[in-house]
Protein backbone atom coordinates (compact mmCIF):
# COMPACT_ATOMS: atom_id res chain seq x y z
CA UNK A 1 99.52 30.18 -174.22
CA UNK A 2 99.43 32.23 -177.44
CA UNK A 3 101.14 35.06 -175.58
CA UNK A 4 103.86 32.68 -174.37
CA UNK A 5 104.54 31.50 -177.92
CA UNK A 6 104.89 35.09 -179.09
CA UNK A 7 107.41 35.80 -176.36
CA UNK A 8 109.47 32.76 -177.31
CA UNK A 9 109.73 33.93 -180.92
CA UNK A 10 111.04 37.38 -180.02
CA UNK A 11 114.68 37.87 -181.07
CA UNK A 12 117.36 38.34 -178.41
CA UNK A 13 118.06 41.96 -177.46
CA UNK A 14 120.63 43.64 -179.73
CA UNK A 15 122.85 44.59 -176.78
CA UNK A 16 123.26 40.92 -175.83
CA UNK A 17 124.05 40.04 -179.44
CA UNK A 18 126.72 42.77 -179.62
CA UNK A 19 128.30 41.63 -176.38
CA UNK A 20 128.43 38.09 -177.68
CA UNK A 21 130.12 39.23 -180.90
CA UNK A 22 132.65 41.36 -179.03
CA UNK A 23 133.38 38.52 -176.63
CA UNK A 24 133.91 36.10 -179.52
CA UNK A 25 136.21 38.61 -181.26
CA UNK A 26 138.28 39.23 -178.12
CA UNK A 27 138.57 35.51 -177.48
CA UNK A 28 139.87 34.98 -181.03
CA UNK A 29 142.46 37.73 -180.58
CA UNK A 30 143.63 36.31 -177.26
CA UNK A 31 143.85 32.79 -178.69
CA UNK A 32 145.82 34.05 -181.69
CA UNK A 33 148.24 35.95 -179.43
CA UNK A 34 148.80 32.93 -177.20
CA UNK A 35 149.53 30.74 -180.20
CA UNK A 36 151.81 33.24 -181.95
CA UNK A 37 153.75 34.12 -178.82
CA UNK A 38 154.35 30.46 -178.06
CA UNK A 39 155.44 29.91 -181.68
CA UNK A 40 157.90 32.82 -181.39
CA UNK A 41 159.46 31.31 -178.31
CA UNK A 42 159.73 27.85 -179.88
CA UNK A 43 161.45 29.30 -182.97
CA UNK A 44 163.95 31.30 -180.91
CA UNK A 45 164.82 28.21 -178.91
CA UNK A 46 166.77 27.08 -181.98
CA UNK A 47 167.29 30.20 -184.14
CA UNK A 48 169.45 33.21 -183.19
CA UNK A 49 167.38 36.33 -182.51
CA UNK A 50 167.95 38.47 -185.63
CA UNK A 51 166.70 41.84 -184.37
CA UNK A 52 164.71 43.32 -181.48
CA UNK A 53 162.41 46.32 -181.06
CA UNK A 54 165.06 47.97 -178.89
CA UNK A 55 167.58 47.70 -181.70
CA UNK A 56 165.10 48.99 -184.26
CA UNK A 57 164.26 51.98 -182.07
CA UNK A 58 167.90 52.82 -181.33
CA UNK A 59 168.95 56.21 -182.71
CA UNK A 60 172.53 55.00 -183.17
CA UNK A 61 174.02 52.54 -185.67
CA UNK A 62 173.67 49.06 -184.19
CA UNK A 63 176.62 46.73 -183.73
CA UNK A 64 175.95 43.11 -182.78
CA UNK A 65 177.39 39.66 -183.33
CA UNK A 66 175.57 36.50 -182.29
CA UNK A 67 177.87 34.20 -180.33
CA UNK A 68 177.16 30.73 -178.98
CA UNK A 69 177.37 30.39 -175.21
CA UNK A 70 180.21 27.90 -175.63
CA UNK A 71 182.25 30.74 -177.18
CA UNK A 72 181.69 33.12 -174.25
CA UNK A 73 184.00 32.98 -171.24
CA UNK A 74 182.42 31.47 -168.15
CA UNK A 75 183.52 34.54 -166.18
CA UNK A 76 181.07 36.60 -168.26
CA UNK A 77 178.20 34.35 -167.23
CA UNK A 78 179.30 34.50 -163.59
CA UNK A 79 179.60 38.29 -163.81
CA UNK A 80 176.04 38.85 -165.04
CA UNK A 81 174.66 36.44 -162.46
CA UNK A 82 176.62 38.30 -159.79
CA UNK A 83 175.56 41.73 -160.99
CA UNK A 84 172.03 41.14 -162.25
CA UNK A 85 170.47 38.03 -160.75
CA UNK A 86 172.21 36.06 -158.02
CA UNK A 87 169.36 33.55 -157.82
CA UNK A 88 169.17 32.90 -161.55
CA UNK A 89 169.53 29.15 -161.08
CA UNK A 90 167.16 29.00 -158.11
CA UNK A 91 164.06 30.85 -159.29
CA UNK A 92 161.60 30.01 -162.06
CA UNK A 93 161.66 33.40 -163.71
CA UNK A 94 160.66 35.70 -160.86
CA UNK A 95 162.50 36.66 -157.68
CA UNK A 96 159.77 37.93 -155.38
CA UNK A 97 162.21 38.78 -152.60
CA UNK A 98 164.31 40.97 -154.91
CA UNK A 99 161.20 42.66 -156.26
CA UNK A 100 159.99 43.49 -152.74
CA UNK A 101 163.40 44.82 -151.73
CA UNK A 102 163.52 47.00 -154.85
CA UNK A 103 160.02 48.31 -154.09
CA UNK A 104 161.00 49.26 -150.53
CA UNK A 105 164.19 51.02 -151.70
CA UNK A 106 162.32 52.93 -154.38
CA UNK A 107 159.76 54.10 -151.83
CA UNK A 108 162.58 55.87 -149.99
CA UNK A 109 163.48 57.85 -153.11
CA UNK A 110 166.87 58.25 -154.75
CA UNK A 111 168.14 56.07 -157.57
CA UNK A 112 165.38 53.82 -158.91
CA UNK A 113 166.25 50.13 -158.82
CA UNK A 114 164.45 47.25 -160.43
CA UNK A 115 163.94 43.71 -159.22
CA UNK A 116 163.82 42.06 -162.63
CA UNK A 117 165.54 38.74 -163.13
CA UNK A 118 167.68 37.86 -166.13
CA UNK A 119 164.72 35.86 -167.43
CA UNK A 120 162.44 38.90 -167.25
CA UNK A 121 165.04 41.13 -168.88
CA UNK A 122 165.49 38.61 -171.67
CA UNK A 123 161.73 38.41 -172.26
CA UNK A 124 161.54 42.21 -172.44
CA UNK A 125 164.62 42.65 -174.62
CA UNK A 126 163.66 40.00 -177.16
CA UNK A 127 159.89 40.30 -177.51
CA UNK A 128 158.86 43.70 -176.17
CA UNK A 129 159.85 47.34 -175.84
CA UNK A 130 161.66 49.34 -173.18
CA UNK A 131 159.76 51.38 -170.61
CA UNK A 132 157.09 50.63 -168.04
CA UNK A 133 153.33 50.35 -167.96
CA UNK A 134 151.01 47.59 -166.82
CA UNK A 135 150.55 46.18 -170.33
CA UNK A 136 154.28 45.81 -170.91
CA UNK A 137 154.76 44.28 -167.48
CA UNK A 138 151.92 41.84 -168.04
CA UNK A 139 153.31 40.74 -171.40
CA UNK A 140 156.77 40.48 -169.89
CA UNK A 141 155.46 38.10 -167.23
CA UNK A 142 153.78 35.94 -169.89
CA UNK A 143 156.90 35.72 -172.04
CA UNK A 144 159.00 35.02 -168.94
CA UNK A 145 156.86 31.99 -168.15
CA UNK A 146 157.15 30.83 -171.76
CA UNK A 147 160.94 31.06 -172.02
CA UNK A 148 161.45 29.45 -168.63
CA UNK A 149 159.23 26.56 -169.73
CA UNK A 150 160.37 26.16 -173.34
CA UNK A 151 163.96 27.42 -173.43
CA UNK A 152 165.41 26.53 -170.06
CA UNK A 153 168.16 28.40 -168.22
CA UNK A 154 171.07 27.77 -170.57
CA UNK A 155 169.24 29.11 -173.61
CA UNK A 156 167.93 32.09 -171.63
CA UNK A 157 171.47 32.99 -170.63
CA UNK A 158 172.74 32.56 -174.19
CA UNK A 159 170.05 34.83 -175.62
CA UNK A 160 170.48 37.40 -172.85
CA UNK A 161 174.21 37.68 -173.48
CA UNK A 162 173.52 38.28 -177.16
CA UNK A 163 170.73 40.87 -176.97
CA UNK A 164 171.56 42.88 -173.84
CA UNK A 165 172.76 46.39 -174.63
CA UNK A 166 176.40 46.75 -173.55
CA UNK A 167 176.96 50.31 -174.74
CA UNK A 168 175.59 52.96 -177.05
CA UNK A 169 174.44 51.07 -180.16
CA UNK A 170 176.28 47.95 -178.97
CA UNK A 171 174.35 44.74 -178.31
CA UNK A 172 175.66 41.51 -176.88
CA UNK A 173 178.83 40.73 -174.97
CA UNK A 174 180.77 39.75 -178.08
CA UNK A 175 180.25 43.19 -179.62
CA UNK A 176 181.00 44.74 -176.23
CA UNK A 177 184.22 42.77 -175.80
CA UNK A 178 185.37 43.78 -179.28
CA UNK A 179 184.46 47.43 -178.69
CA UNK A 180 186.10 47.86 -175.29
CA UNK A 181 188.95 45.36 -175.29
CA UNK A 182 189.55 44.43 -178.92
CA UNK A 183 189.15 40.74 -178.15
CA UNK A 184 186.58 37.96 -178.30
CA UNK A 185 184.17 37.33 -175.44
CA UNK A 186 185.84 33.93 -175.20
CA UNK A 187 189.01 35.60 -173.87
CA UNK A 188 187.58 38.03 -171.30
CA UNK A 189 189.15 38.14 -167.86
CA UNK A 190 187.02 38.25 -164.72
CA UNK A 191 187.69 41.98 -164.31
CA UNK A 192 186.82 42.74 -167.94
CA UNK A 193 183.63 40.70 -167.75
CA UNK A 194 182.69 42.45 -164.51
CA UNK A 195 183.12 45.88 -166.07
CA UNK A 196 180.80 44.96 -168.93
CA UNK A 197 178.27 43.54 -166.46
CA UNK A 198 178.41 46.74 -164.42
CA UNK A 199 177.05 48.87 -167.29
CA UNK A 200 174.13 46.58 -168.19
CA UNK A 201 171.48 48.43 -166.13
CA UNK A 202 172.31 51.78 -167.82
CA UNK A 203 174.39 51.05 -170.92
CA UNK A 204 173.90 54.50 -172.46
CA UNK A 205 175.00 56.31 -169.33
CA UNK A 206 177.82 54.19 -167.91
CA UNK A 207 181.35 53.76 -169.24
CA UNK A 208 183.26 50.48 -169.35
CA UNK A 209 186.67 51.98 -169.97
CA UNK A 210 187.66 54.73 -167.59
CA UNK A 211 184.60 54.20 -165.41
CA UNK A 212 184.49 56.05 -162.11
CA UNK A 213 182.26 56.49 -159.10
CA UNK A 214 179.48 53.98 -158.63
CA UNK A 215 180.15 52.12 -161.90
CA UNK A 216 183.78 51.50 -160.94
CA UNK A 217 182.87 50.35 -157.42
CA UNK A 218 180.05 48.17 -158.75
CA UNK A 219 182.36 46.58 -161.33
CA UNK A 220 184.99 45.83 -158.69
CA UNK A 221 182.35 44.26 -156.44
CA UNK A 222 181.12 42.06 -159.30
CA UNK A 223 184.69 40.98 -160.10
CA UNK A 224 185.21 39.90 -156.48
CA UNK A 225 182.07 37.75 -156.62
CA UNK A 226 182.83 35.99 -159.92
CA UNK A 227 184.67 33.12 -158.24
CA UNK A 228 181.99 32.97 -155.54
CA UNK A 229 179.41 32.32 -158.25
CA UNK A 230 181.49 29.62 -159.90
CA UNK A 231 182.71 27.93 -156.71
CA UNK A 232 179.25 28.04 -155.19
CA UNK A 233 177.69 26.49 -158.31
CA UNK A 234 175.38 29.50 -158.69
CA UNK A 235 175.77 29.02 -162.45
CA UNK A 236 175.11 25.26 -162.32
CA UNK A 237 171.89 25.52 -164.35
CA UNK A 238 173.94 26.95 -167.22
CA UNK A 239 176.82 24.47 -167.01
CA UNK A 240 175.27 21.10 -166.28
């Protein structure tokens, strides 16, 4: 019995103590991140996004002008849905079918295509950095769930149209409309909106004015689908 009492009084092994401390520390970090990320999303539900990491890391002077969705032509919304995410109003942040199709195309080689939704792109553009990697993708998924839950589709679209890069050093469709057409985004035609939407995947490499090749064909295809989006109520989650 004396031996048993001695064993009970022995301190826990140091390795177990260290693991417990590390686990507690990691749990605190994770909890802090979850709280802060949710707070960020709640704030940006009401406040215009002032700056993003992409803008800060841009080597060119940045031009941007925050514009309310009500001051952006509906054709611009239809154009980005047509060009970037045809199921924007149907999915809850992720389009698994589009992601699988993109994966199969990329396996065949050639031009790399993504399967990201507008929600995912908005999460990346606002809260994260450009590029790949499992960490970035994991964080992107988390922020996508948050903005879908807290913001809703209309706010996601509004933020996307204000932070998406529309040309070298140009962010948002208002700045893009002023740069390329000398007019407000409120007055864009379907063709003009489609041309801006066509450069969104590669804004530093594609031209809006005088575009040729794939960009021109892609822009024309988007323009033809603008009325399809509106008449088919594919933008209904934005204009309730």
